[in-house]
Protein backbone atom coordinates (compact mmCIF):
# COMPACT_ATOMS: atom_id res chain seq x y z
CA MET A 1 0.07 -0.29 0.18
CA ASP A 2 0.93 3.52 -0.95
CA ALA A 3 1.66 5.49 2.49
CA SER A 4 0.48 8.62 0.47
CA GLN A 5 -2.50 7.01 0.26
CA CYS A 6 -3.17 6.01 3.64
CA PRO A 7 -3.65 8.58 6.42
CA LEU A 8 -3.09 6.12 9.12
CA MET A 9 0.20 5.19 7.91
CA THR A 10 1.55 8.53 7.52
CA GLN A 11 0.30 9.36 10.44
CA SER A 12 1.49 6.32 12.50
CA GLY A 13 4.94 7.11 11.29
CA GLN A 14 5.71 5.56 8.09
CA GLY A 15 8.82 3.39 8.14
CA ARG A 16 8.85 2.78 11.73
CA PRO A 17 8.73 -1.08 12.39
CA ALA A 18 5.76 -1.97 14.67
CA TRP A 19 6.26 -3.05 18.08
CA VAL A 20 4.67 -6.03 19.03
CA ARG A 21 4.27 -7.32 22.45
CA ARG A 22 3.35 -10.58 23.09
CA THR A 23 1.31 -11.53 26.29
CA ALA A 24 0.77 -15.33 27.21
CA GLN A 25 -2.14 -15.68 29.49
CA PHE A 26 -5.41 -13.73 30.71
CA SER A 27 -5.67 -12.80 34.24
CA ILE A 28 -9.38 -11.44 36.00
CA GLN A 29 -9.41 -8.34 37.82
CA LYS A 30 -11.83 -7.29 39.89
CA CYS A 31 -13.20 -3.85 39.35
CA GLY A 32 -15.76 -2.49 41.06
CA SER A 33 -18.62 -5.22 41.11
CA LEU A 34 -17.28 -6.21 37.54
CA LEU A 35 -15.02 -8.60 37.02
CA ILE A 36 -12.86 -7.89 34.24
CA PRO A 37 -10.73 -9.72 31.73
CA ASP A 38 -7.28 -7.73 32.08
CA PHE A 39 -6.57 -8.82 28.04
CA VAL A 40 -2.91 -7.59 28.90
CA LEU A 41 -1.24 -9.31 31.91
CA GLY A 42 1.09 -12.32 30.28
CA ALA A 43 3.27 -14.40 32.81
CA GLY A 44 6.39 -12.05 32.00
CA GLU A 45 4.53 -8.90 32.27
CA ALA A 46 3.11 -9.92 35.62
CA MET A 47 7.07 -10.16 36.51
CA ARG A 48 7.59 -6.66 35.16
CA ARG A 49 4.54 -5.37 36.82
CA ARG A 50 5.27 -6.65 40.10
CA GLU A 51 8.76 -5.24 40.29
CA PHE A 52 7.30 -1.60 38.65
CA ILE A 53 5.14 -1.36 41.66
CA ARG A 54 7.25 -2.72 44.19
CA LEU A 55 10.23 0.22 42.48
CA PHE A 56 7.88 3.52 42.85
CA SER A 57 6.03 2.22 46.00
CA SER A 58 9.18 1.92 47.85
CA THR A 59 10.43 5.31 45.96
CA ALA A 60 7.98 7.22 48.33
CA VAL A 61 9.09 5.35 51.68
CA ALA A 62 12.98 5.32 50.45
CA TRP A 63 12.66 9.28 49.57
CA PRO A 64 12.92 11.19 52.64
CA LEU A 65 16.09 9.65 54.17
CA ALA A 66 17.53 9.84 50.47
CA ALA A 67 16.59 13.51 49.93
CA ARG A 68 18.02 14.66 53.19
CA ALA A 69 21.46 13.07 52.45
CA GLN A 70 21.19 14.39 48.72
CA GLN A 71 19.39 17.52 48.99
CA SER A 72 22.57 19.43 48.40
CA ALA A 73 24.03 17.28 45.89
CA VAL A 74 20.64 16.44 43.12
CA PRO A 75 18.04 18.61 42.06
CA VAL A 76 14.51 16.83 42.70
CA ILE A 77 11.69 16.49 40.23
CA GLY A 78 8.04 15.51 41.35
CA PHE A 79 6.01 13.53 39.15
CA LEU A 80 2.44 13.34 40.18
CA ARG A 81 -0.67 11.62 37.96
CA SER A 82 -4.13 11.01 38.43
CA THR A 83 -3.87 7.33 37.02
CA THR A 84 -2.18 4.06 38.55
CA ALA A 85 1.32 3.34 38.45
CA VAL A 86 0.82 0.06 36.54
CA GLY A 87 -0.27 0.91 32.66
CA SER A 88 1.87 4.28 33.28
CA GLU A 89 5.50 2.55 33.04
CA HIS A 90 6.12 3.42 29.43
CA LEU A 91 5.40 7.10 30.17
CA ALA A 92 7.96 7.46 33.28
CA THR A 93 10.07 5.41 30.78
CA ALA A 94 9.68 8.17 28.16
CA PHE A 95 9.81 10.78 30.81
CA GLU A 96 13.27 9.97 31.94
CA GLN A 97 14.41 9.74 28.44
CA GLY A 98 13.36 13.08 27.71
CA LEU A 99 15.75 13.98 30.94
CA LYS A 100 18.58 12.53 29.43
CA ASP A 101 18.67 13.79 26.17
CA ALA A 102 18.87 17.31 28.19
CA GLY A 103 21.50 15.87 30.14
CA PHE A 104 20.05 14.36 33.53
CA VAL A 105 19.87 10.44 34.22
CA ALA A 106 17.36 9.38 36.95
CA SER A 107 19.41 8.20 40.14
CA GLN A 108 22.79 9.95 39.22
CA ASN A 109 22.42 14.00 38.56
CA VAL A 110 18.67 14.34 39.48
CA ALA A 111 15.97 12.29 41.60
CA ILE A 112 12.62 11.78 41.05
CA ASP A 113 9.48 11.41 43.39
CA TYR A 114 6.70 9.66 41.71
CA ARG A 115 3.33 10.12 42.94
CA TRP A 116 -0.04 8.37 41.54
CA GLY A 117 -3.48 9.18 42.83
CA ASP A 118 -4.76 5.78 41.37
CA ASP A 119 -7.72 7.36 39.31
CA GLN A 120 -9.51 8.41 43.05
CA SER A 121 -9.31 12.69 42.19
CA ASP A 122 -10.16 13.09 45.92
CA ARG A 123 -6.31 11.90 46.67
CA LEU A 124 -4.75 14.41 44.22
CA PRO A 125 -4.89 17.75 47.03
CA GLY A 126 -3.16 15.71 49.54
CA LEU A 127 -0.22 14.01 47.09
CA ALA A 128 0.49 17.40 45.67
CA ALA A 129 0.83 18.98 49.58
CA ASP A 130 2.73 16.03 50.11
CA LEU A 131 5.00 16.56 46.94
CA ILE A 132 5.46 20.24 47.25
CA SER A 133 6.53 19.99 50.86
CA ARG A 134 9.58 17.93 49.64
CA ARG A 135 10.65 21.39 47.41
CA PRO A 136 11.13 20.00 44.01
CA ALA A 137 12.57 21.95 41.37
CA VAL A 138 9.91 21.28 38.96
CA ILE A 139 6.29 19.33 38.98
CA ILE A 140 5.44 17.32 35.89
CA GLY A 141 2.30 15.57 35.60
CA ASN A 142 -1.12 15.15 33.98
CA ILE A 143 -3.45 17.81 33.83
CA LEU A 144 -6.08 16.58 36.21
CA ALA A 145 -3.19 16.14 38.80
CA ILE A 146 -1.42 19.83 38.20
CA ARG A 147 -4.68 21.35 38.75
CA ALA A 148 -4.43 20.36 42.88
CA VAL A 149 -0.56 21.47 42.21
CA MET A 150 -1.41 24.79 41.13
CA ALA A 151 -3.92 24.90 43.81
CA ALA A 152 -1.32 24.69 46.22
CA THR A 153 1.78 26.47 44.89
CA THR A 154 2.45 29.71 42.27
CA ALA A 155 6.55 29.39 42.93
CA ILE A 156 7.42 25.75 42.15
CA PRO A 157 7.90 25.66 38.08
CA ILE A 158 4.96 23.05 36.50
CA VAL A 159 4.92 20.97 33.16
CA PHE A 160 1.65 19.71 32.47
CA VAL A 161 0.74 17.23 29.90
CA GLY A 162 -2.41 16.69 28.43
CA GLY A 163 -4.84 16.49 25.73
CA ALA A 164 -7.16 19.83 26.75
CA ASP A 165 -6.68 23.44 25.27
CA PRO A 166 -4.62 24.84 28.13
CA VAL A 167 -5.79 28.49 27.35
CA ARG A 168 -9.13 27.51 27.37
CA GLU A 169 -8.79 25.34 30.67
CA GLY A 170 -7.26 28.29 32.06
CA LEU A 171 -3.68 27.33 32.12
CA VAL A 172 -2.01 29.60 31.01
CA ALA A 173 -2.02 33.21 29.49
CA SER A 174 -0.97 31.93 25.99
CA LEU A 175 0.47 28.71 24.38
CA ASN A 176 3.87 30.88 23.00
CA HIS A 177 3.58 32.95 26.26
CA PRO A 178 2.18 31.10 29.39
CA GLY A 179 3.32 33.15 31.83
CA GLY A 180 3.63 32.28 35.50
CA ASN A 181 5.04 29.55 36.62
CA ILE A 182 3.80 27.06 34.01
CA THR A 183 4.08 25.52 30.67
CA GLY A 184 3.52 22.33 29.33
CA VAL A 185 2.95 19.85 26.34
CA VAL A 186 0.06 19.02 24.52
CA PHE A 187 -1.30 16.31 22.37
CA VAL A 188 -3.82 16.23 19.99
CA SER A 189 -6.89 14.28 21.52
CA THR A 190 -10.34 15.45 19.64
CA ASP A 191 -9.75 15.98 15.99
CA VAL A 192 -8.74 12.42 15.05
CA ALA A 193 -12.15 11.28 16.39
CA ALA A 194 -13.11 10.74 13.21
CA LYS A 195 -10.44 8.56 12.38
CA ARG A 196 -11.40 5.91 15.35
CA LEU A 197 -14.95 6.00 13.39
CA GLY A 198 -13.49 5.10 9.90
CA LEU A 199 -11.40 2.23 11.81
CA LEU A 200 -14.71 0.96 13.09
CA HIS A 201 -16.72 1.63 10.26
CA ASP A 202 -13.83 -1.00 8.46
CA LEU A 203 -14.41 -3.81 10.81
CA VAL A 204 -18.18 -3.69 11.42
CA PRO A 205 -21.04 -4.75 8.92
CA LYS A 206 -22.28 -1.36 7.14
CA SER A 207 -25.76 -2.28 7.98
CA VAL A 208 -25.44 -1.27 12.01
CA PRO A 209 -24.98 1.80 13.43
CA ILE A 210 -22.15 2.51 15.52
CA ALA A 211 -22.03 4.15 19.16
CA ALA A 212 -20.31 7.07 19.83
CA LEU A 213 -20.41 7.43 23.87
CA PHE A 214 -18.80 10.93 25.29
CA HIS A 215 -19.02 12.45 28.96
CA PRO A 216 -20.53 15.48 29.13
CA GLY A 217 -17.78 17.34 31.17
CA ALA A 218 -14.89 16.37 28.71
CA PRO A 219 -12.69 18.73 27.19
CA ALA A 220 -14.14 20.10 23.99
CA VAL A 221 -17.00 17.71 24.13
CA GLU A 222 -18.75 19.55 21.53
CA LEU A 223 -15.87 19.48 18.94
CA GLN A 224 -15.89 15.80 19.39
CA LYS A 225 -19.02 14.78 18.84
CA LYS A 226 -19.46 17.27 15.50
CA ASP A 227 -16.03 15.47 14.12
CA VAL A 228 -17.65 11.99 14.84
CA GLU A 229 -21.33 13.11 13.23
CA MET A 230 -19.60 14.98 10.04
CA ALA A 231 -17.80 11.99 9.77
CA GLY A 232 -20.55 9.24 10.30
CA GLN A 233 -22.20 11.65 7.14
CA THR A 234 -19.06 11.40 4.98
CA ILE A 235 -19.02 7.86 4.92
CA GLY A 236 -22.67 7.00 4.95
CA ARG A 237 -23.02 5.40 8.32
CA GLN A 238 -25.37 6.21 11.23
CA VAL A 239 -23.71 7.11 14.40
CA LEU A 240 -25.95 6.83 17.81
CA SER A 241 -24.14 9.56 20.11
CA MET A 242 -25.12 8.99 23.74
CA ASP A 243 -23.96 11.33 26.72
CA VAL A 244 -23.02 9.36 29.79
CA ALA A 245 -22.36 11.50 32.93
CA ASP A 246 -21.90 8.88 35.71
CA GLU A 247 -20.49 5.33 36.13
CA ARG A 248 -23.65 4.63 37.49
CA GLU A 249 -25.22 4.66 33.60
CA PHE A 250 -23.06 2.57 31.98
CA HIS A 251 -24.90 -0.28 32.56
CA ALA A 252 -28.44 1.27 31.25
CA ALA A 253 -26.61 3.15 28.35
CA PHE A 254 -25.15 -0.28 26.69
CA ALA A 255 -28.46 -2.09 27.13
CA LYS A 256 -30.01 1.01 24.98
CA LEU A 257 -26.90 0.65 22.55
CA VAL A 258 -27.87 -3.19 22.26
CA GLN A 259 -31.47 -2.83 22.09
CA GLN A 260 -30.38 0.35 19.13
CA SER A 261 -28.47 -2.85 17.44
CA ALA A 262 -25.20 -1.13 17.42
CA GLY A 263 -22.35 -2.97 16.01
CA GLY A 264 -19.09 -0.96 16.96
CA LEU A 265 -18.54 1.11 19.99
CA LEU A 266 -16.58 4.36 19.65
CA ILE A 267 -15.25 5.97 23.21
CA GLY A 268 -14.79 9.75 23.64
CA SER A 269 -11.91 11.12 24.88
CA GLY A 270 -11.49 12.85 28.68
CA PRO A 271 -10.52 12.34 32.02
CA TYR A 272 -13.38 10.55 33.19
CA PHE A 273 -14.09 7.78 30.77
CA LEU A 274 -9.98 7.33 31.12
CA SER A 275 -10.15 6.36 34.80
CA ARG A 276 -12.80 4.39 33.98
CA ARG A 277 -11.39 2.66 30.49
CA ARG A 278 -11.94 -0.83 32.41
CA GLN A 279 -15.00 -0.65 33.24
CA LEU A 280 -15.87 0.40 29.63
CA ALA A 281 -13.66 -2.36 28.32
CA ALA A 282 -15.43 -5.01 30.02
CA LEU A 283 -18.99 -3.65 29.21
CA ALA A 284 -17.79 -3.55 25.44
CA VAL A 285 -16.74 -7.04 25.53
CA ARG A 286 -19.60 -8.41 27.51
CA HIS A 287 -22.03 -7.10 25.09
CA ALA A 288 -19.92 -7.80 21.96
CA LEU A 289 -19.03 -4.13 20.73
CA PRO A 290 -15.97 -3.77 19.16
CA SER A 291 -14.55 -0.82 20.49
CA CYS A 292 -12.04 2.05 19.76
CA GLY A 293 -10.73 4.56 22.36
CA PRO A 294 -8.64 7.73 22.36
CA LEU A 295 -5.38 6.07 23.86
CA ARG A 296 -2.99 3.58 23.84
CA SER A 297 -3.90 2.75 27.83
CA TYR A 298 -7.38 1.93 26.44
CA ALA A 299 -6.36 -0.93 24.18
CA GLU A 300 -4.02 -1.85 27.05
CA VAL A 301 -7.08 -2.85 29.00
CA GLY A 302 -9.64 -4.44 26.17
CA VAL A 303 -10.50 -1.94 24.30
CA LEU A 304 -10.32 -3.59 20.69
CA MET A 305 -8.42 -0.63 19.58
CA SER A 306 -6.94 2.77 20.20
CA TYR A 307 -5.69 5.45 17.91
CA GLY A 308 -4.78 8.78 18.97
CA SER A 309 -1.68 11.05 20.19
CA SER A 310 1.39 9.19 21.89
CA GLN A 311 1.39 10.07 25.59
CA ALA A 312 4.69 8.31 25.38
CA ASP A 313 5.93 11.07 23.02
CA ALA A 314 4.23 13.83 25.11
CA TYR A 315 5.71 12.70 28.50
CA ARG A 316 9.14 12.72 26.60
CA ARG A 317 9.23 16.07 25.96
CA ALA A 318 8.07 17.24 29.03
CA GLY A 319 11.07 15.37 30.06
CA ASN A 320 13.08 17.69 28.12
CA TYR A 321 11.48 20.76 29.13
CA ALA A 322 12.04 19.87 32.87
CA GLY A 323 15.61 19.30 31.99
CA ARG A 324 15.75 22.74 30.75
CA ILE A 325 14.33 24.24 33.59
CA LEU A 326 16.59 22.64 35.74
CA LYS A 327 19.03 24.30 33.90
CA GLY A 328 17.76 27.90 34.77
CA GLU A 329 14.78 28.61 31.99
CA THR A 330 11.98 30.25 33.49
CA PRO A 331 8.30 28.52 32.34
CA ALA A 332 6.75 31.66 31.86
CA ASN A 333 9.15 32.25 28.52
CA MET A 334 8.91 28.36 27.07
CA PRO A 335 5.42 27.64 24.51
CA VAL A 336 3.87 25.18 25.10
CA GLU A 337 4.88 22.23 22.78
CA LEU A 338 2.11 19.89 20.70
CA ALA A 339 3.03 16.80 20.66
CA THR A 340 1.52 15.27 16.95
CA LYS A 341 3.27 11.78 16.89
CA LEU A 342 -0.14 9.28 16.44
CA ASP A 343 -0.38 5.69 17.64
CA LEU A 344 -2.42 3.02 16.42
CA VAL A 345 -3.07 -0.18 18.72
CA ILE A 346 -5.20 -3.29 18.45
CA ASN A 347 -5.53 -5.79 21.00
CA LEU A 348 -5.81 -9.25 19.57
CA ALA A 349 -6.98 -10.77 22.56
CA THR A 350 -10.35 -8.74 22.73
CA ALA A 351 -10.67 -9.55 19.07
CA LYS A 352 -10.38 -13.44 19.88
CA ALA A 353 -13.04 -13.01 22.34
CA LEU A 354 -15.43 -10.99 20.41
CA ASP A 355 -14.45 -13.78 17.41
CA LEU A 356 -13.36 -10.88 14.97
CA ASN A 357 -10.58 -11.14 12.35
CA ILE A 358 -8.82 -8.08 12.10
CA PRO A 359 -7.49 -7.85 8.32
CA PRO A 360 -3.93 -8.30 7.85
CA ASN A 361 -3.63 -4.62 6.35
CA LEU A 362 -4.92 -2.97 9.51
CA LEU A 363 -2.60 -5.03 11.56
CA THR A 364 0.39 -4.09 9.30
CA LEU A 365 -0.38 -0.30 10.14
CA ALA A 366 -0.72 -0.71 13.43
CA ASP A 367 2.31 0.74 15.79
CA GLU A 368 1.49 -2.11 18.68
CA VAL A 369 0.05 -5.10 18.60
CA ILE A 370 -0.83 -6.59 22.05
CA GLU A 371 -1.47 -9.95 21.85
C-alpha cells in the first residue's frame, strides 16, 4: 500500500517497525462489581509489573531519607499523575528518556519522586501538598493532577501534559507566552475522533449503526461530537451519539445501545472515561461490541483498538522541558509544545474474545499489537 494514500500509515509513522508485544495468558481483575478481563497481563508482564510497583512504592518510603542525604547534591523532580502506576510504565520511561536527552539521568544527577492518584481524584490535593513539602525543583503531571498542584503553589515550576486546550482550561495565558510558573506539552486528542470512527467502519457490518459514547464534562466534547457526526455523514454510517455523565449510567447505556442494534463503540476522550476505561472495556466485550478508544491505555485494558496521540512522546518532551528548567529556563517564557505523533494499538486478545478477524493490512499499520 502506498503510504501517501493511507493517512493512518502517514500519521502513525511510516517506515517504523511495529512494536509487537506478546502476552501469554489472561487474568481476571475485579473492578467495582465487575469481573474484568485484563487481556493484557502475561506471565513475563506480570513479573515486570510487580517489579514496577515495588520500585515506585518504595520510592515514596525511601525518598525522605535519601532527600536529607542528597538534597544539596541533586535537584528533585516531582512526578504526579491521577492514574495508577500500573499501565503508566511507558510514560515514566519516556519521561526519563527526555530528561536524559537534556543531560539528566535519574539516580545520578537528578532524583524523581513519583506519586500516583490511582484514578481517585480526591487523593490529588493531599498528594500534591506532600510533594510540594519536599521542595522539588519542578513538578510534572497530567492536567487533572496539575490542577491540584496549581492550587497549592505559584512558586514551583510546573510542566503539564494533557490533551485539552490549556488556554481554554485556564492553565496558561497563551501558548507562546504561558506566563506564571507553568508551561507544558499538549497532545492532540479531539480532532482524530473521525479517524477512530473510520477504523470501526472497516470492521463492523455496514448495515448496523456505530455508537459513540461521550462524557458531557470532557474537554471540547462538542467538537468531538461534531467531528464524529460529520464523519458518519461522509462515510454513510449511522452514528448513535450518547452522553453518559456518571458510572452508574454505564449499564443502562450499554443496554440501550444493544437494543438499538449498535455494531461497534467509539469511546470519547476525557479524564472521566480514562479513569473508568476498565469498566468500559469489560462492558464492550460483554455486549460483543468492537470498541475504539482515544489512547493506548484503553487498548491495554481490553478495548479492541486505540488510535490517538502518543502520550509517551508527550512525556518525553515534558522530560526535556524539565531538564531545561533545571538548567535555568523560566516556564513563563517556554512556549507550550504540541506533540503530534499518533499511535494505532490493537488488542488481539480482545479480537479473539469477540470472535473478530482483524484484516492483515490493519495489523500492518498498527504501531503495537497486544497478543
